[in-house]
Protein backbone atom coordinates (compact mmCIF):
# COMPACT_ATOMS: atom_id res chain seq x y z
CA MET A 1 -54.89 -151.11 -4.64
CA ILE A 2 -54.19 -151.09 -8.39
CA VAL A 3 -52.67 -154.56 -8.12
CA LEU A 4 -55.82 -155.81 -6.41
CA ILE A 5 -57.99 -154.33 -9.16
CA ILE A 6 -55.81 -155.96 -11.84
CA VAL A 7 -55.98 -159.34 -10.06
CA VAL A 8 -59.78 -159.08 -9.68
CA LEU A 9 -60.13 -158.11 -13.36
CA PHE A 10 -57.88 -161.00 -14.39
CA VAL A 11 -59.90 -163.48 -12.30
CA ALA A 12 -63.17 -162.05 -13.67
CA ILE A 13 -61.93 -162.43 -17.26
CA ILE A 14 -60.85 -166.04 -16.60
CA LEU A 15 -64.23 -166.84 -15.00
CA LEU A 16 -66.12 -165.20 -17.86
CA TRP A 17 -64.08 -167.22 -20.37
CA ALA A 18 -64.67 -170.46 -18.41
CA VAL A 19 -68.44 -169.88 -18.23
CA THR A 20 -68.60 -168.99 -21.93
CA SER A 21 -66.57 -172.08 -22.89
CA TYR A 22 -68.69 -174.34 -20.70
CA ASN A 23 -71.92 -172.93 -22.12
CA SER A 24 -70.77 -173.36 -25.71
CA LEU A 25 -69.80 -176.98 -25.02
CA VAL A 26 -73.21 -177.67 -23.48
CA LYS A 27 -74.96 -176.07 -26.47
CA LEU A 28 -72.96 -178.17 -28.94
CA ARG A 29 -73.63 -181.36 -26.96
CA ASN A 30 -77.35 -180.54 -26.94
CA LYS A 31 -77.32 -179.85 -30.69
CA GLY A 32 -75.70 -183.25 -31.19
CA ASP A 33 -78.39 -184.90 -29.06
CA GLU A 34 -81.08 -183.08 -31.03
CA ALA A 35 -79.54 -184.14 -34.35
CA GLU A 36 -79.34 -187.74 -33.18
CA ALA A 37 -82.99 -187.65 -32.09
CA GLY A 38 -83.93 -186.28 -35.52
CA ILE A 39 -82.16 -189.18 -37.18
CA ASP A 40 -83.99 -191.59 -34.88
CA ALA A 41 -87.34 -190.08 -35.89
CA HIS A 42 -86.55 -190.53 -39.59
CA LEU A 43 -85.33 -194.08 -38.98
CA LYS A 44 -88.59 -194.91 -37.18
CA GLU A 45 -90.58 -193.50 -40.08
CA ARG A 46 -88.54 -195.63 -42.50
CA ALA A 47 -88.97 -198.73 -40.33
CA ASP A 48 -92.72 -198.19 -40.34
CA LEU A 49 -92.82 -198.03 -44.16
CA ILE A 50 -90.76 -201.16 -44.75
CA PRO A 51 -93.45 -203.77 -43.92
CA ASN A 52 -95.79 -202.15 -46.45
CA LEU A 53 -93.08 -202.16 -49.09
CA VAL A 54 -92.16 -205.79 -48.40
CA GLU A 55 -95.79 -206.93 -48.59
CA THR A 56 -96.28 -205.10 -51.90
CA ILE A 57 -93.18 -206.69 -53.41
CA LYS A 58 -94.07 -210.14 -52.04
CA GLY A 59 -97.13 -210.21 -54.26
CA TYR A 60 -95.01 -209.82 -57.38
CA ALA A 61 -91.69 -211.36 -56.47
CA SER A 62 -92.51 -214.22 -54.14
CA HIS A 63 -89.51 -216.26 -55.28
CA GLU A 64 -87.16 -213.47 -54.15
CA LYS A 65 -87.68 -214.65 -50.58
CA GLU A 66 -84.03 -214.21 -49.55
CA ALA A 67 -83.95 -210.51 -50.46
CA LEU A 68 -87.24 -209.87 -48.67
CA GLU A 69 -86.09 -211.74 -45.58
CA SER A 70 -82.82 -209.79 -45.47
CA VAL A 71 -84.75 -206.50 -45.39
CA VAL A 72 -87.07 -207.74 -42.63
CA SER A 73 -84.13 -209.14 -40.65
CA ALA A 74 -82.10 -205.93 -41.03
CA ARG A 75 -85.10 -203.87 -39.93
CA SER A 76 -85.59 -206.02 -36.82
CA LYS A 77 -81.91 -205.86 -35.95
CA ALA A 78 -81.75 -202.08 -36.38
CA SER A 79 -84.85 -201.56 -34.24
CA SER A 80 -83.39 -203.50 -31.31
CA LEU A 81 -79.98 -201.80 -31.07
CA GLN A 82 -78.79 -198.46 -29.70
CA GLY A 83 -75.99 -195.98 -30.40
CA ASP A 84 -73.19 -196.79 -32.82
CA GLU A 85 -74.36 -200.39 -33.27
CA ARG A 86 -77.76 -199.15 -34.38
CA MET A 87 -76.18 -196.78 -36.89
CA ARG A 88 -74.20 -199.68 -38.40
CA ALA A 89 -77.35 -201.81 -38.53
CA GLU A 90 -79.23 -198.98 -40.23
CA GLY A 91 -76.46 -198.93 -42.85
CA GLU A 92 -77.04 -202.64 -43.44
CA LEU A 93 -80.75 -201.94 -43.79
CA SER A 94 -80.04 -199.26 -46.40
CA THR A 95 -77.94 -201.76 -48.34
CA ALA A 96 -80.68 -204.40 -48.15
CA LEU A 97 -83.25 -201.87 -49.38
CA GLY A 98 -80.96 -201.01 -52.30
CA ARG A 99 -80.81 -204.69 -53.26
CA LEU A 100 -84.57 -204.97 -52.94
CA PHE A 101 -85.17 -202.00 -55.25
CA ALA A 102 -82.69 -203.42 -57.74
CA ILE A 103 -84.61 -206.72 -57.76
CA ALA A 104 -87.93 -204.89 -58.07
CA GLU A 105 -86.68 -203.20 -61.24
CA SER A 106 -86.90 -206.55 -63.06
CA TYR A 107 -90.66 -206.81 -62.51
CA PRO A 108 -92.49 -204.55 -64.99
CA GLU A 109 -95.88 -205.15 -63.33
CA LEU A 110 -94.44 -204.18 -59.96
CA LYS A 111 -92.79 -201.05 -61.32
CA ALA A 112 -96.20 -199.97 -62.63
CA ASN A 113 -98.04 -200.71 -59.35
CA GLN A 114 -99.20 -197.45 -57.76
CA ASN A 115 -98.67 -198.70 -54.20
CA PHE A 116 -95.10 -199.68 -54.98
CA ILE A 117 -94.41 -196.39 -56.75
CA ALA A 118 -95.77 -194.41 -53.78
CA LEU A 119 -93.82 -196.49 -51.24
CA GLN A 120 -90.63 -196.30 -53.29
CA GLY A 121 -91.01 -192.55 -53.63
CA GLU A 122 -91.58 -192.15 -49.90
CA LEU A 123 -88.57 -194.30 -49.05
CA THR A 124 -86.42 -192.41 -51.55
CA ARG A 125 -87.50 -189.14 -49.92
CA LEU A 126 -86.77 -190.55 -46.46
CA GLU A 127 -83.33 -191.79 -47.52
CA ALA A 128 -82.45 -188.32 -48.81
CA THR A 129 -83.74 -186.77 -45.58
CA LEU A 130 -81.71 -189.28 -43.56
CA ALA A 131 -78.58 -188.50 -45.55
CA ASN A 132 -79.02 -184.80 -44.82
CA ALA A 133 -79.72 -185.47 -41.13
CA ARG A 134 -76.57 -187.60 -40.90
CA LYS A 135 -74.51 -184.86 -42.56
CA TYR A 136 -75.90 -182.31 -40.10
CA TYR A 137 -75.16 -184.62 -37.15
CA ASN A 138 -71.61 -185.22 -38.36
CA ALA A 139 -71.05 -181.46 -38.77
CA ILE A 140 -72.21 -180.86 -35.19
CA VAL A 141 -70.00 -183.71 -33.95
CA ARG A 142 -66.99 -182.24 -35.80
CA GLU A 143 -67.59 -178.82 -34.25
CA TYR A 144 -68.10 -180.32 -30.79
CA ASN A 145 -65.03 -182.60 -31.02
CA ASP A 146 -62.91 -179.69 -32.27
CA LYS A 147 -64.02 -177.58 -29.32
CA ILE A 148 -63.21 -180.23 -26.72
CA MET A 149 -59.79 -180.88 -28.26
CA VAL A 150 -58.60 -177.33 -28.94
CA PHE A 151 -56.77 -175.36 -26.28
CA PRO A 152 -57.89 -173.55 -24.12
CA SER A 153 -61.48 -174.89 -24.24
CA SER A 154 -60.05 -178.40 -23.84
CA LEU A 155 -59.26 -177.44 -20.23
CA ILE A 156 -62.95 -176.84 -19.49
CA ALA A 157 -63.95 -179.95 -21.46
CA SER A 158 -61.64 -182.20 -19.46
CA LEU A 159 -62.54 -180.52 -16.16
CA PHE A 160 -66.27 -181.17 -16.73
CA HIS A 161 -65.83 -184.54 -18.49
CA PHE A 162 -67.11 -183.64 -21.94
CA GLY A 163 -66.38 -186.76 -23.97
CA LYS A 164 -65.72 -187.19 -27.66
CA ARG A 165 -68.69 -188.13 -29.85
CA ASN A 166 -68.53 -190.60 -32.72
CA TYR A 167 -69.39 -189.80 -36.31
CA ILE A 168 -71.99 -191.76 -38.20
CA GLU A 169 -70.03 -193.83 -40.69
CA ILE A 170 -70.96 -196.60 -43.07
CA ASP A 171 -69.28 -199.98 -43.07
CA ALA A 172 -66.79 -200.79 -45.79
CA GLY A 173 -69.21 -203.35 -47.28
CA ASP A 174 -71.84 -200.66 -47.72
CA ARG A 175 -69.51 -198.67 -49.96
CA GLU A 176 -69.53 -201.42 -52.56
CA ARG A 177 -71.86 -201.54 -55.53
CA VAL A 178 -75.04 -203.56 -55.06
CA ASP A 179 -74.66 -206.84 -56.94
CA VAL A 180 -77.93 -208.36 -58.13
CA ARG A 181 -78.06 -211.85 -59.64
CA PHE A 182 -81.02 -213.51 -61.30
């Protein structure tokens, strides 16, 4: 009888551990999905601001057509992709915006324009918010990936097909300094 009680207790402990591990993996996966959706919302907000910014700059810097077109092209590309490809395209868009702001610095009238100042401030705020959202997402991904790789929770992860998530990373080209030529 005592052996039966010990076996039942052992099985109950194993089941409790399995349920707890499964639930924590689901919660982390859901947090990752929520963080990714938050990034998407900020990216949409940024994409909506870009046409206004481009039109404002066009009035002052019409001969900087290439820089303006690269921002519009990067925005279109980023809007049409999903997943990791979209994150890379958003990095390209950030780089193009950096170049655009660097060019705008050479136009004193533009720098004094209230519309431009407001749009630049809003984009700067959004970029900071995006950076924080990406950091949060990457922290959740690290915690989730650790959990699915560490024994014994890796047993539950493999049994229920919890897959590894990718971090948001920037391309090597985006790490370089923005080079502006006049």
